[in-house]
PDB file of N, CA and C in Angstrom:
ATOM      1  N   UNK A   1     -13.446  -2.694  19.646  1.00  0.00           N
ATOM      2  CA  UNK A   1     -12.189  -2.884  19.436  1.00  0.00           C
ATOM      3  C   UNK A   1     -11.432  -2.154  18.068  1.00  0.00           C
ATOM      4  N   UNK A   2     -10.867  -1.221  17.863  1.00  0.00           N
ATOM      5  CA  UNK A   2     -10.014  -1.222  16.347  1.00  0.00           C
ATOM      6  C   UNK A   2      -8.872  -2.274  16.147  1.00  0.00           C
ATOM      7  N   UNK A   3      -9.083  -2.799  14.870  1.00  0.00           N
ATOM      8  CA  UNK A   3      -7.832  -3.340  14.980  1.00  0.00           C
ATOM      9  C   UNK A   3      -7.051  -2.314  13.587  1.00  0.00           C
ATOM     10  N   UNK A   4      -5.746  -2.378  14.338  1.00  0.00           N
ATOM     11  CA  UNK A   4      -4.375  -1.541  13.518  1.00  0.00           C
ATOM     12  C   UNK A   4      -4.068  -2.013  12.206  1.00  0.00           C
ATOM     13  N   UNK A   5      -3.491  -1.684  11.563  1.00  0.00           N
ATOM     14  CA  UNK A   5      -2.526  -2.291  10.519  1.00  0.00           C
ATOM     15  C   UNK A   5      -1.484  -1.918  10.131  1.00  0.00           C
ATOM     16  N   UNK A   6      -0.478  -2.769   9.761  1.00  0.00           N
ATOM     17  CA  UNK A   6       1.127  -2.724   9.523  1.00  0.00           C
ATOM     18  C   UNK A   6       1.434  -2.316   8.226  1.00  0.00           C
ATOM     19  N   UNK A   7       1.876  -1.598   8.125  1.00  0.00           N
ATOM     20  CA  UNK A   7       2.359  -1.125   6.347  1.00  0.00           C
ATOM     21  C   UNK A   7       3.721  -2.055   5.985  1.00  0.00           C
ATOM     22  N   UNK A   8       3.203  -2.872   4.661  1.00  0.00           N
ATOM     23  CA  UNK A   8       4.455  -2.975   4.361  1.00  0.00           C
ATOM     24  C   UNK A   8       4.703  -2.790   3.149  1.00  0.00           C
ATOM     25  N   UNK A   9       5.705  -2.720   2.374  1.00  0.00           N
ATOM     26  CA  UNK A   9       6.237  -1.963   1.067  1.00  0.00           C
ATOM     27  C   UNK A   9       6.270  -3.125  -0.518  1.00  0.00           C
ATOM     28  N   UNK A  10       5.620  -2.860  -1.368  1.00  0.00           N
ATOM     29  CA  UNK A  10       6.083  -3.594  -2.416  1.00  0.00           C
ATOM     30  C   UNK A  10       7.033  -2.675  -3.333  1.00  0.00           C
ATOM     31  N   UNK A  11       7.869  -3.226  -3.813  1.00  0.00           N
ATOM     32  CA  UNK A  11       8.768  -3.073  -4.870  1.00  0.00           C
ATOM     33  C   UNK A  11       8.882  -3.668  -6.021  1.00  0.00           C
ATOM     34  N   UNK A  12       8.576  -2.973  -7.433  1.00  0.00           N
ATOM     35  CA  UNK A  12       8.684  -3.536  -8.842  1.00  0.00           C
ATOM     36  C   UNK A  12       9.450  -2.800  -9.542  1.00  0.00           C
ATOM     37  N   UNK A  13      10.600  -3.445 -10.511  1.00  0.00           N
ATOM     38  CA  UNK A  13      11.142  -2.865 -11.454  1.00  0.00           C
ATOM     39  C   UNK A  13      10.574  -2.837 -12.582  1.00  0.00           C
ATOM     40  N   UNK A  14      10.580  -1.447 -13.376  1.00  0.00           N
ATOM     41  CA  UNK A  14       9.976  -1.465 -14.267  1.00  0.00           C
ATOM     42  C   UNK A  14      11.225  -1.085 -15.314  1.00  0.00           C
ATOM     43  N   UNK A  15      10.784  -1.852 -16.517  1.00  0.00           N
ATOM     44  CA  UNK A  15      11.606  -1.169 -17.610  1.00  0.00           C
ATOM     45  C   UNK A  15      11.018  -0.521 -18.880  1.00  0.00           C
ATOM     46  N   UNK A  16      11.512   0.762 -19.531  1.00  0.00           N
ATOM     47  CA  UNK A  16      10.423   1.412 -20.292  1.00  0.00           C
ATOM     48  C   UNK A  16      11.454   1.653 -20.974  1.00  0.00           C
ATOM     49  N   UNK A  17      10.778   1.390 -22.368  1.00  0.00           N
ATOM     50  CA  UNK A  17      11.719   1.545 -23.708  1.00  0.00           C
ATOM     51  C   UNK A  17      11.231   3.099 -24.561  1.00  0.00           C
ATOM     52  N   UNK A  18      12.380   3.653 -24.904  1.00  0.00           N
ATOM     53  CA  UNK A  18      11.969   4.821 -26.108  1.00  0.00           C
ATOM     54  C   UNK A  18      10.633   4.865 -26.663  1.00  0.00           C
ATOM     55  N   UNK A  19       9.651   5.410 -26.277  1.00  0.00           N
ATOM     56  CA  UNK A  19       8.104   5.666 -27.109  1.00  0.00           C
ATOM     57  C   UNK A  19       7.087   5.633 -26.353  1.00  0.00           C
ATOM     58  N   UNK A  20       7.462   4.474 -25.175  1.00  0.00           N
ATOM     59  CA  UNK A  20       7.062   3.417 -24.616  1.00  0.00           C
ATOM     60  C   UNK A  20       6.229   4.256 -23.315  1.00  0.00           C
ATOM     61  N   UNK A  21       4.875   4.571 -22.802  1.00  0.00           N
ATOM     62  CA  UNK A  21       4.367   5.609 -21.818  1.00  0.00           C
ATOM     63  C   UNK A  21       3.446   4.403 -20.882  1.00  0.00           C
ATOM     64  N   UNK A  22       4.252   4.435 -19.476  1.00  0.00           N
ATOM     65  CA  UNK A  22       3.839   3.870 -18.349  1.00  0.00           C
ATOM     66  C   UNK A  22       2.593   4.248 -17.364  1.00  0.00           C
ATOM     67  N   UNK A  23       1.424   4.055 -17.163  1.00  0.00           N
ATOM     68  CA  UNK A  23       0.607   4.398 -16.336  1.00  0.00           C
ATOM     69  C   UNK A  23       0.763   3.314 -15.408  1.00  0.00           C
ATOM     70  N   UNK A  24       0.216   4.284 -14.195  1.00  0.00           N
ATOM     71  CA  UNK A  24       0.172   4.130 -12.709  1.00  0.00           C
ATOM     72  C   UNK A  24      -0.787   4.779 -12.043  1.00  0.00           C
ATOM     73  N   UNK A  25      -1.390   4.165 -11.604  1.00  0.00           N
ATOM     74  CA  UNK A  25      -2.189   5.313 -10.069  1.00  0.00           C
ATOM     75  C   UNK A  25      -1.718   4.947  -9.015  1.00  0.00           C
ATOM     76  N   UNK A  26      -1.326   6.067  -8.347  1.00  0.00           N
ATOM     77  CA  UNK A  26      -0.661   5.953  -7.181  1.00  0.00           C
ATOM     78  C   UNK A  26      -1.590   5.611  -6.105  1.00  0.00           C
ATOM     79  N   UNK A  27      -0.920   5.404  -4.431  1.00  0.00           N
ATOM     80  CA  UNK A  27      -1.247   5.076  -3.279  1.00  0.00           C
ATOM     81  C   UNK A  27      -0.734   6.292  -2.917  1.00  0.00           C
ATOM     82  N   UNK A  28      -1.158   6.540  -1.288  1.00  0.00           N
ATOM     83  CA  UNK A  28      -0.075   7.539  -0.543  1.00  0.00           C
ATOM     84  C   UNK A  28       0.873   6.741  -0.078  1.00  0.00           C
ATOM     85  N   UNK A  29       2.357   6.848  -0.271  1.00  0.00           N
ATOM     86  CA  UNK A  29       3.223   6.697  -0.047  1.00  0.00           C
ATOM     87  C   UNK A  29       4.139   5.942  -0.985  1.00  0.00           C
ATOM     88  N   UNK A  30       3.686   6.019  -2.071  1.00  0.00           N
ATOM     89  CA  UNK A  30       4.382   5.684  -3.232  1.00  0.00           C
ATOM     90  C   UNK A  30       5.394   6.707  -3.880  1.00  0.00           C
ATOM     91  N   UNK A  31       6.414   5.926  -4.333  1.00  0.00           N
ATOM     92  CA  UNK A  31       7.975   6.476  -4.807  1.00  0.00           C
ATOM     93  C   UNK A  31       8.414   5.640  -5.925  1.00  0.00           C
ATOM     94  N   UNK A  32       8.649   6.871  -6.729  1.00  0.00           N
ATOM     95  CA  UNK A  32       9.214   5.792  -7.794  1.00  0.00           C
ATOM     96  C   UNK A  32      10.991   6.669  -7.837  1.00  0.00           C
ATOM     97  N   UNK A  33      11.826   5.705  -8.253  1.00  0.00           N
ATOM     98  CA  UNK A  33      13.250   6.072  -8.187  1.00  0.00           C
ATOM     99  C   UNK A  33      13.573   5.088  -9.489  1.00  0.00           C
ATOM    100  N   UNK A  34      14.449   6.508 -10.324  1.00  0.00           N
ATOM    101  CA  UNK A  34      14.866   6.282 -11.305  1.00  0.00           C
ATOM    102  C   UNK A  34      16.435   5.300 -11.238  1.00  0.00           C
ATOM    103  N   UNK A  35      15.973   3.969 -11.712  1.00  0.00           N
ATOM    104  CA  UNK A  35      17.367   3.398 -11.559  1.00  0.00           C
ATOM    105  C   UNK A  35      18.583   3.676 -12.558  1.00  0.00           C
ATOM    106  N   UNK A  36      17.846   3.261 -13.501  1.00  0.00           N
ATOM    107  CA  UNK A  36      19.074   4.089 -15.295  1.00  0.00           C
ATOM    108  C   UNK A  36      18.132   5.157 -16.090  1.00  0.00           C
ATOM    109  N   UNK A  37      18.917   5.500 -16.808  1.00  0.00           N
ATOM    110  CA  UNK A  37      18.686   6.466 -17.686  1.00  0.00           C
ATOM    111  C   UNK A  37      17.852   8.122 -17.271  1.00  0.00           C
ATOM    112  N   UNK A  38      16.623   8.382 -17.906  1.00  0.00           N
ATOM    113  CA  UNK A  38      16.029   9.591 -17.436  1.00  0.00           C
ATOM    114  C   UNK A  38      14.729   9.580 -17.610  1.00  0.00           C
ATOM    115  N   UNK A  39      13.806   9.888 -17.264  1.00  0.00           N
ATOM    116  CA  UNK A  39      12.442   9.868 -17.593  1.00  0.00           C
ATOM    117  C   UNK A  39      11.221  11.239 -17.282  1.00  0.00           C
ATOM    118  N   UNK A  40      10.565  11.794 -18.339  1.00  0.00           N
ATOM    119  CA  UNK A  40       9.584  12.784 -18.314  1.00  0.00           C
ATOM    120  C   UNK A  40       8.303  11.881 -17.164  1.00  0.00           C
ATOM    121  N   UNK A  41       7.713  12.530 -16.234  1.00  0.00           N
ATOM    122  CA  UNK A  41       7.217  12.025 -15.069  1.00  0.00           C
ATOM    123  C   UNK A  41       5.629  13.260 -14.993  1.00  0.00           C
ATOM    124  N   UNK A  42       4.808  12.792 -15.103  1.00  0.00           N
ATOM    125  CA  UNK A  42       3.638  14.166 -14.744  1.00  0.00           C
ATOM    126  C   UNK A  42       2.390  13.165 -13.959  1.00  0.00           C
ATOM    127  N   UNK A  43       2.367  14.029 -13.108  1.00  0.00           N
ATOM    128  CA  UNK A  43       0.907  13.503 -12.185  1.00  0.00           C
ATOM    129  C   UNK A  43      -0.414  14.145 -12.279  1.00  0.00           C
ATOM    130  N   UNK A  44      -1.353  13.528 -11.728  1.00  0.00           N
ATOM    131  CA  UNK A  44      -2.929  14.418 -12.493  1.00  0.00           C
ATOM    132  C   UNK A  44      -2.870  15.376 -11.060  1.00  0.00           C
ATOM    133  N   UNK A  45      -3.227  16.107 -11.549  1.00  0.00           N
ATOM    134  CA  UNK A  45      -3.154  17.406 -10.596  1.00  0.00           C
ATOM    135  C   UNK A  45      -2.299  17.846 -10.124  1.00  0.00           C
ATOM    136  N   UNK A  46      -1.271  18.092 -10.600  1.00  0.00           N
ATOM    137  CA  UNK A  46       0.113  18.658 -10.279  1.00  0.00           C
ATOM    138  C   UNK A  46       0.545  19.301 -11.716  1.00  0.00           C
ATOM    139  N   UNK A  47       0.529  20.711 -11.841  1.00  0.00           N
ATOM    140  CA  UNK A  47       0.833  21.708 -13.659  1.00  0.00           C
ATOM    141  C   UNK A  47       2.270  21.279 -13.571  1.00  0.00           C
ATOM    142  N   UNK A  48       3.115  20.998 -12.626  1.00  0.00           N
ATOM    143  CA  UNK A  48       4.685  20.637 -12.958  1.00  0.00           C
ATOM    144  C   UNK A  48       5.415  19.524 -13.769  1.00  0.00           C
ATOM    145  N   UNK A  49       6.138  19.000 -14.475  1.00  0.00           N
ATOM    146  CA  UNK A  49       6.375  18.186 -15.310  1.00  0.00           C
ATOM    147  C   UNK A  49       8.113  17.946 -14.199  1.00  0.00           C
ATOM    148  N   UNK A  50       7.966  16.454 -14.298  1.00  0.00           N
ATOM    149  CA  UNK A  50       9.259  16.381 -13.575  1.00  0.00           C
ATOM    150  C   UNK A  50      10.218  15.780 -14.804  1.00  0.00           C
ATOM    151  N   UNK A  51      11.357  15.504 -14.222  1.00  0.00           N
ATOM    152  CA  UNK A  51      12.574  14.820 -15.079  1.00  0.00           C
ATOM    153  C   UNK A  51      13.970  14.383 -14.712  1.00  0.00           C
ATOM    154  N   UNK A  52      13.042  13.406 -13.849  1.00  0.00           N
ATOM    155  CA  UNK A  52      14.511  12.618 -12.625  1.00  0.00           C
ATOM    156  C   UNK A  52      15.074  11.912 -13.788  1.00  0.00           C
ATOM    157  N   UNK A  53      16.230  11.261 -12.996  1.00  0.00           N
ATOM    158  CA  UNK A  53      17.465  11.122 -13.740  1.00  0.00           C
ATOM    159  C   UNK A  53      18.118   9.622 -12.849  1.00  0.00           C
ATOM    160  N   UNK A  54      18.771   8.606 -13.448  1.00  0.00           N
ATOM    161  CA  UNK A  54      19.639   7.767 -12.010  1.00  0.00           C
ATOM    162  C   UNK A  54      19.749   8.675 -10.880  1.00  0.00           C
ATOM    163  N   UNK A  55      19.224   7.520  -9.641  1.00  0.00           N
ATOM    164  CA  UNK A  55      19.667   8.504  -8.875  1.00  0.00           C
ATOM    165  C   UNK A  55      18.676   9.130  -7.878  1.00  0.00           C
ATOM    166  N   UNK A  56      18.018   9.837  -8.767  1.00  0.00           N
ATOM    167  CA  UNK A  56      16.595  10.327  -8.511  1.00  0.00           C
ATOM    168  C   UNK A  56      14.861   9.674  -7.765  1.00  0.00           C
ATOM    169  N   UNK A  57      14.630  10.205  -6.719  1.00  0.00           N
ATOM    170  CA  UNK A  57      13.498   9.191  -6.380  1.00  0.00           C
ATOM    171  C   UNK A  57      12.377  10.285  -5.987  1.00  0.00           C
ATOM    172  N   UNK A  58      11.584  10.340  -6.694  1.00  0.00           N
ATOM    173  CA  UNK A  58      10.155  11.544  -6.398  1.00  0.00           C
ATOM    174  C   UNK A  58       8.917  10.531  -5.183  1.00  0.00           C
ATOM    175  N   UNK A  59       8.134  11.148  -4.411  1.00  0.00           N
ATOM    176  CA  UNK A  59       7.412  10.640  -3.985  1.00  0.00           C
ATOM    177  C   UNK A  59       5.973  11.787  -4.731  1.00  0.00           C
ATOM    178  N   UNK A  60       5.264  10.298  -4.589  1.00  0.00           N
ATOM    179  CA  UNK A  60       3.796  10.773  -5.340  1.00  0.00           C
ATOM    180  C   UNK A  60       2.812  10.802  -4.340  1.00  0.00           C
ATOM    181  N   UNK A  61       1.726  11.693  -5.228  1.00  0.00           N
ATOM    182  CA  UNK A  61       0.685  11.726  -4.357  1.00  0.00           C
ATOM    183  C   UNK A  61      -0.285  10.917  -4.273  1.00  0.00           C
ATOM    184  N   UNK A  62      -1.417  10.703  -3.444  1.00  0.00           N
ATOM    185  CA  UNK A  62      -2.514   9.792  -3.389  1.00  0.00           C
ATOM    186  C   UNK A  62      -3.561   9.759  -4.458  1.00  0.00           C
ATOM    187  N   UNK A  63      -3.984   8.666  -4.964  1.00  0.00           N
ATOM    188  CA  UNK A  63      -5.057   8.084  -6.074  1.00  0.00           C
ATOM    189  C   UNK A  63      -4.828   8.985  -7.228  1.00  0.00           C
ATOM    190  N   UNK A  64      -3.712   9.463  -7.235  1.00  0.00           N
ATOM    191  CA  UNK A  64      -3.528  10.570  -9.226  1.00  0.00           C
ATOM    192  C   UNK A  64      -2.883   9.569  -9.662  1.00  0.00           C
ATOM    193  N   UNK A  65      -3.134   9.406 -11.288  1.00  0.00           N
ATOM    194  CA  UNK A  65      -2.874   8.951 -12.114  1.00  0.00           C
ATOM    195  C   UNK A  65      -1.182   9.174 -12.408  1.00  0.00           C
ATOM    196  N   UNK A  66      -0.399   8.807 -12.678  1.00  0.00           N
ATOM    197  CA  UNK A  66       1.012   9.258 -13.019  1.00  0.00           C
ATOM    198  C   UNK A  66       1.213   8.634 -14.610  1.00  0.00           C
ATOM    199  N   UNK A  67       1.934   9.307 -14.988  1.00  0.00           N
ATOM    200  CA  UNK A  67       2.284   8.867 -16.585  1.00  0.00           C
ATOM    201  C   UNK A  67       3.727   8.883 -16.737  1.00  0.00           C
ATOM    202  N   UNK A  68       4.934   8.117 -17.107  1.00  0.00           N
ATOM    203  CA  UNK A  68       6.267   8.194 -17.115  1.00  0.00           C
ATOM    204  C   UNK A  68       6.746   7.863 -18.540  1.00  0.00           C
ATOM    205  N   UNK A  69       7.467   8.445 -19.320  1.00  0.00           N
ATOM    206  CA  UNK A  69       7.848   8.077 -20.126  1.00  0.00           C
ATOM    207  C   UNK A  69       9.349   8.353 -20.288  1.00  0.00           C
ATOM    208  N   UNK A  70      10.224   6.999 -21.040  1.00  0.00           N
ATOM    209  CA  UNK A  70      11.562   6.984 -21.135  1.00  0.00           C
ATOM    210  C   UNK A  70      12.419   8.334 -22.039  1.00  0.00           C
ATOM    211  N   UNK A  71      13.184   9.125 -21.726  1.00  0.00           N
ATOM    212  CA  UNK A  71      13.714  10.400 -23.053  1.00  0.00           C
ATOM    213  C   UNK A  71      14.830   9.700 -23.133  1.00  0.00           C
ATOM    214  N   UNK A  72      15.503   8.308 -23.251  1.00  0.00           N
ATOM    215  CA  UNK A  72      16.389   7.788 -23.983  1.00  0.00           C
ATOM    216  C   UNK A  72      16.357   6.235 -24.361  1.00  0.00           C
ATOM    217  N   UNK A  73      16.761   5.728 -24.728  1.00  0.00           N
ATOM    218  CA  UNK A  73      16.747   4.224 -25.363  1.00  0.00           C
ATOM    219  C   UNK A  73      16.175   3.127 -24.205  1.00  0.00           C
ATOM    220  N   UNK A  74      16.271   3.471 -23.218  1.00  0.00           N
ATOM    221  CA  UNK A  74      15.205   2.678 -22.305  1.00  0.00           C
ATOM    222  C   UNK A  74      15.768   3.412 -20.822  1.00  0.00           C
ATOM    223  N   UNK A  75      15.011   3.242 -20.100  1.00  0.00           N
ATOM    224  CA  UNK A  75      14.873   3.536 -18.152  1.00  0.00           C
ATOM    225  C   UNK A  75      14.270   2.395 -17.489  1.00  0.00           C
ATOM    226  N   UNK A  76      14.897   2.201 -16.026  1.00  0.00           N
ATOM    227  CA  UNK A  76      14.873   1.522 -15.395  1.00  0.00           C
ATOM    228  C   UNK A  76      14.494   2.322 -13.633  1.00  0.00           C
ATOM    229  N   UNK A  77      13.309   1.819 -13.656  1.00  0.00           N
ATOM    230  CA  UNK A  77      12.450   2.612 -12.124  1.00  0.00           C
ATOM    231  C   UNK A  77      12.257   0.943 -11.502  1.00  0.00           C
ATOM    232  N   UNK A  78      12.196   1.647  -9.664  1.00  0.00           N
ATOM    233  CA  UNK A  78      11.847   1.174  -8.996  1.00  0.00           C
ATOM    234  C   UNK A  78      10.621   1.653  -8.254  1.00  0.00           C
ATOM    235  N   UNK A  79       9.583   0.926  -8.404  1.00  0.00           N
ATOM    236  CA  UNK A  79       8.504   1.589  -7.546  1.00  0.00           C
ATOM    237  C   UNK A  79       8.033   1.091  -6.203  1.00  0.00           C
ATOM    238  N   UNK A  80       7.899   1.703  -5.331  1.00  0.00           N
ATOM    239  CA  UNK A  80       7.442   1.550  -3.929  1.00  0.00           C
ATOM    240  C   UNK A  80       6.087   1.767  -4.051  1.00  0.00           C
ATOM    241  N   UNK A  81       5.119   0.681  -3.092  1.00  0.00           N
ATOM    242  CA  UNK A  81       3.941   1.144  -2.874  1.00  0.00           C
ATOM    243  C   UNK A  81       3.873   0.644  -1.708  1.00  0.00           C
ATOM    244  N   UNK A  82       3.448   1.528  -0.539  1.00  0.00           N
ATOM    245  CA  UNK A  82       3.279   0.868   0.707  1.00  0.00           C
ATOM    246  C   UNK A  82       1.289  -0.251   0.524  1.00  0.00           C
ATOM    247  N   UNK A  83       1.632  -1.353   0.735  1.00  0.00           N
ATOM    248  CA  UNK A  83       0.569  -2.251   1.263  1.00  0.00           C
ATOM    249  C   UNK A  83      -0.071  -2.410   2.783  1.00  0.00           C
ATOM    250  N   UNK A  84      -1.300  -2.421   3.236  1.00  0.00           N
ATOM    251  CA  UNK A  84      -1.748  -2.468   4.440  1.00  0.00           C
ATOM    252  C   UNK A  84      -2.014  -3.915   4.571  1.00  0.00           C
ATOM    253  N   UNK A  85      -1.344  -4.505   5.802  1.00  0.00           N
ATOM    254  CA  UNK A  85      -1.291  -6.272   6.059  1.00  0.00           C
ATOM    255  C   UNK A  85      -1.738  -5.901   7.149  1.00  0.00           C
ATOM    256  N   UNK A  86      -2.867  -7.043   7.700  1.00  0.00           N
ATOM    257  CA  UNK A  86      -3.441  -7.253   8.918  1.00  0.00           C
ATOM    258  C   UNK A  86      -2.250  -7.774   9.540  1.00  0.00           C
ATOM    259  N   UNK A  87      -2.592  -6.820  11.558  1.00  0.00           N
ATOM    260  CA  UNK A  87      -1.781  -7.344  12.225  1.00  0.00           C
ATOM    261  C   UNK A  87      -1.695  -9.036  12.783  1.00  0.00           C
ATOM    262  N   UNK A  88      -0.482  -9.416  12.690  1.00  0.00           N
ATOM    263  CA  UNK A  88      -1.052 -10.752  13.183  1.00  0.00           C
ATOM    264  C   UNK A  88      -1.954 -11.155  14.500  1.00  0.00           C
ATOM    265  N   UNK A  89      -3.225 -12.042  14.460  1.00  0.00           N
ATOM    266  CA  UNK A  89      -4.025 -12.140  15.445  1.00  0.00           C
ATOM    267  C   UNK A  89      -3.827 -12.264  16.719  1.00  0.00           C
ATOM    268  N   UNK A  90      -2.461 -13.005  17.030  1.00  0.00           N
ATOM    269  CA  UNK A  90      -1.993 -13.038  18.352  1.00  0.00           C
ATOM    270  C   UNK A  90      -1.598 -11.942  18.871  1.00  0.00           C
ATOM    271  N   UNK A  91      -1.431 -10.602  17.838  1.00  0.00           N
ATOM    272  CA  UNK A  91      -0.697  -9.454  18.863  1.00  0.00           C
ATOM    273  C   UNK A  91      -1.917  -8.375  19.079  1.00  0.00           C
ATOM    274  N   UNK A  92      -3.648  -9.013  18.481  1.00  0.00           N
ATOM    275  CA  UNK A  92      -4.331  -8.305  19.172  1.00  0.00           C
ATOM    276  C   UNK A  92      -4.966  -8.685  20.392  1.00  0.00           C
ATOM    277  N   UNK A  93      -5.345  -7.908  21.091  1.00  0.00           N
ATOM    278  CA  UNK A  93      -6.789  -8.308  21.995  1.00  0.00           C
ATOM    279  C   UNK A  93      -7.769  -8.842  21.674  1.00  0.00           C
ATOM    280  N   UNK A  94      -9.055  -9.312  22.300  1.00  0.00           N
ATOM    281  CA  UNK A  94     -10.063  -9.348  22.088  1.00  0.00           C
ATOM    282  C   UNK A  94     -11.145  -8.552  22.199  1.00  0.00           C
ATOM    283  N   UNK A  95     -12.052  -8.739  20.949  1.00  0.00           N
ATOM    284  CA  UNK A  95     -12.849  -7.005  21.113  1.00  0.00           C
ATOM    285  C   UNK A  95     -13.913  -7.425  22.354  1.00  0.00           C
ATOM    286  N   UNK A  96     -14.042  -6.360  22.842  1.00  0.00           N
ATOM    287  CA  UNK A  96     -15.037  -6.220  23.617  1.00  0.00           C
ATOM    288  C   UNK A  96     -16.216  -7.317  23.919  1.00  0.00           C
ATOM    289  N   UNK A  97     -16.645  -7.717  22.367  1.00  0.00           N
ATOM    290  CA  UNK A  97     -17.755  -8.862  22.321  1.00  0.00           C
ATOM    291  C   UNK A  97     -17.089 -10.269  22.923  1.00  0.00           C
ATOM    292  N   UNK A  98     -16.096 -10.469  22.752  1.00  0.00           N
ATOM    293  CA  UNK A  98     -15.774 -11.808  23.116  1.00  0.00           C
ATOM    294  C   UNK A  98     -15.382 -11.988  24.611  1.00  0.00           C
ATOM    295  N   UNK A  99     -14.907 -10.679  25.120  1.00  0.00           N
ATOM    296  CA  UNK A  99     -14.582 -11.014  26.377  1.00  0.00           C
ATOM    297  C   UNK A  99     -15.563 -12.198  27.461  1.00  0.00           C
ATOM    298  N   UNK A 100     -14.574 -12.942  28.363  1.00  0.00           N
ATOM    299  CA  UNK A 100     -15.418 -13.607  29.120  1.00  0.00           C
ATOM    300  C   UNK A 100     -16.814 -13.030  29.894  1.00  0.00           C
ATOM    301  N   UNK A 101     -16.900 -11.994  30.132  1.00  0.00           N
ATOM    302  CA  UNK A 101     -17.800 -11.840  30.894  1.00  0.00           C
ATOM    303  C   UNK A 101     -19.163 -11.557  29.979  1.00  0.00           C
ATOM    304  N   UNK A 102     -18.789 -11.018  28.595  1.00  0.00           N
ATOM    305  CA  UNK A 102     -19.983 -10.558  28.136  1.00  0.00           C
ATOM    306  C   UNK A 102     -20.494 -12.207  27.085  1.00  0.00           C
ATOM    307  N   UNK A 103     -19.646 -13.451  26.868  1.00  0.00           N
ATOM    308  CA  UNK A 103     -19.401 -14.849  26.804  1.00  0.00           C
ATOM    309  C   UNK A 103     -20.249 -15.200  27.699  1.00  0.00           C
ATOM    310  N   UNK A 104     -20.084 -14.711  29.047  1.00  0.00           N
ATOM    311  CA  UNK A 104     -21.225 -15.599  29.892  1.00  0.00           C
ATOM    312  C   UNK A 104     -22.172 -15.081  29.922  1.00  0.00           C
ATOM    313  N   UNK A 105     -22.367 -14.159  29.559  1.00  0.00           N
ATOM    314  CA  UNK A 105     -23.892 -13.422  29.597  1.00  0.00           C
ATOM    315  C   UNK A 105     -24.926 -13.750  28.488  1.00  0.00           C
ATOM    316  N   UNK A 106     -24.437 -14.042  27.436  1.00  0.00           N
ATOM    317  CA  UNK A 106     -25.153 -14.611  26.152  1.00  0.00           C
ATOM    318  C   UNK A 106     -25.008 -16.592  26.592  1.00  0.00           C
ATOM    319  N   UNK A 107     -24.321 -17.123  27.239  1.00  0.00           N
ATOM    320  CA  UNK A 107     -25.082 -17.998  27.329  1.00  0.00           C
ATOM    321  C   UNK A 107     -26.328 -18.846  27.965  1.00  0.00           C
ATOM    322  N   UNK A 108     -26.735 -19.394  27.754  1.00  0.00           N
ATOM    323  CA  UNK A 108     -28.022 -20.045  28.321  1.00  0.00           C
ATOM    324  C   UNK A 108     -27.934 -21.465  28.557  1.00  0.00           C
ATOM    325  N   UNK A 109     -27.719 -21.590  29.260  1.00  0.00           N
ATOM    326  CA  UNK A 109     -26.947 -23.208  30.366  1.00  0.00           C
ATOM    327  C   UNK A 109     -28.242 -23.759  30.724  1.00  0.00           C
ATOM    328  N   UNK A 110     -28.449 -24.953  30.206  1.00  0.00           N
ATOM    329  CA  UNK A 110     -29.189 -25.909  30.395  1.00  0.00           C
ATOM    330  C   UNK A 110     -29.495 -26.693  32.107  1.00  0.00           C
ATOM    331  N   UNK A 111     -30.623 -26.706  32.724  1.00  0.00           N
ATOM    332  CA  UNK A 111     -30.708 -27.250  34.254  1.00  0.00           C
ATOM    333  C   UNK A 111     -29.710 -28.851  34.246  1.00  0.00           C
ATOM    334  N   UNK A 112     -29.007 -28.681  35.283  1.00  0.00           N
ATOM    335  CA  UNK A 112     -28.312 -29.843  35.418  1.00  0.00           C
ATOM    336  C   UNK A 112     -29.323 -31.040  35.049  1.00  0.00           C
ATOM    337  N   UNK A 113     -28.550 -32.146  34.894  1.00  0.00           N
ATOM    338  CA  UNK A 113     -29.181 -33.506  35.304  1.00  0.00           C
ATOM    339  C   UNK A 113     -29.602 -34.583  36.452  1.00  0.00           C
ATOM    340  N   UNK A 114     -30.605 -34.488  36.713  1.00  0.00           N
ATOM    341  CA  UNK A 114     -31.247 -34.620  38.187  1.00  0.00           C
ATOM    342  C   UNK A 114     -31.478 -33.650  39.183  1.00  0.00           C
ATOM    343  N   UNK A 115     -31.280 -32.150  38.574  1.00  0.00           N
ATOM    344  CA  UNK A 115     -31.660 -31.151  39.247  1.00  0.00           C
ATOM    345  C   UNK A 115     -33.407 -31.190  39.339  1.00  0.00           C
ATOM    346  N   UNK A 116     -34.020 -30.442  40.323  1.00  0.00           N
ATOM    347  CA  UNK A 116     -35.025 -30.305  40.737  1.00  0.00           C
ATOM    348  C   UNK A 116     -35.888 -29.162  39.965  1.00  0.00           C
TER     349      UNK A 116
END
């Protein structure tokens, strides 16, 4: 039986000052939202440069290096990344190997006391 995962998202705030570069490696479903200021953003494997401003959001590719630099005195970003989390155990059925039939077959019972 295949165990499924549910996705949760972590979000962090990053402030970048003028002249500072911020680097991150993206995962599938990552997003960068500019909350304040304007930034230059470039993504590995993408020949385009992006210049998002406050209120803009960019979806990132998977497993890519991202460079971000503030174009003003300061920029504030919200970086959201999905994180796979196991589904709680009680939501999952038992794997086939643990079903009562399989478990019974694997038991070797000792003879009862007083049995001939």
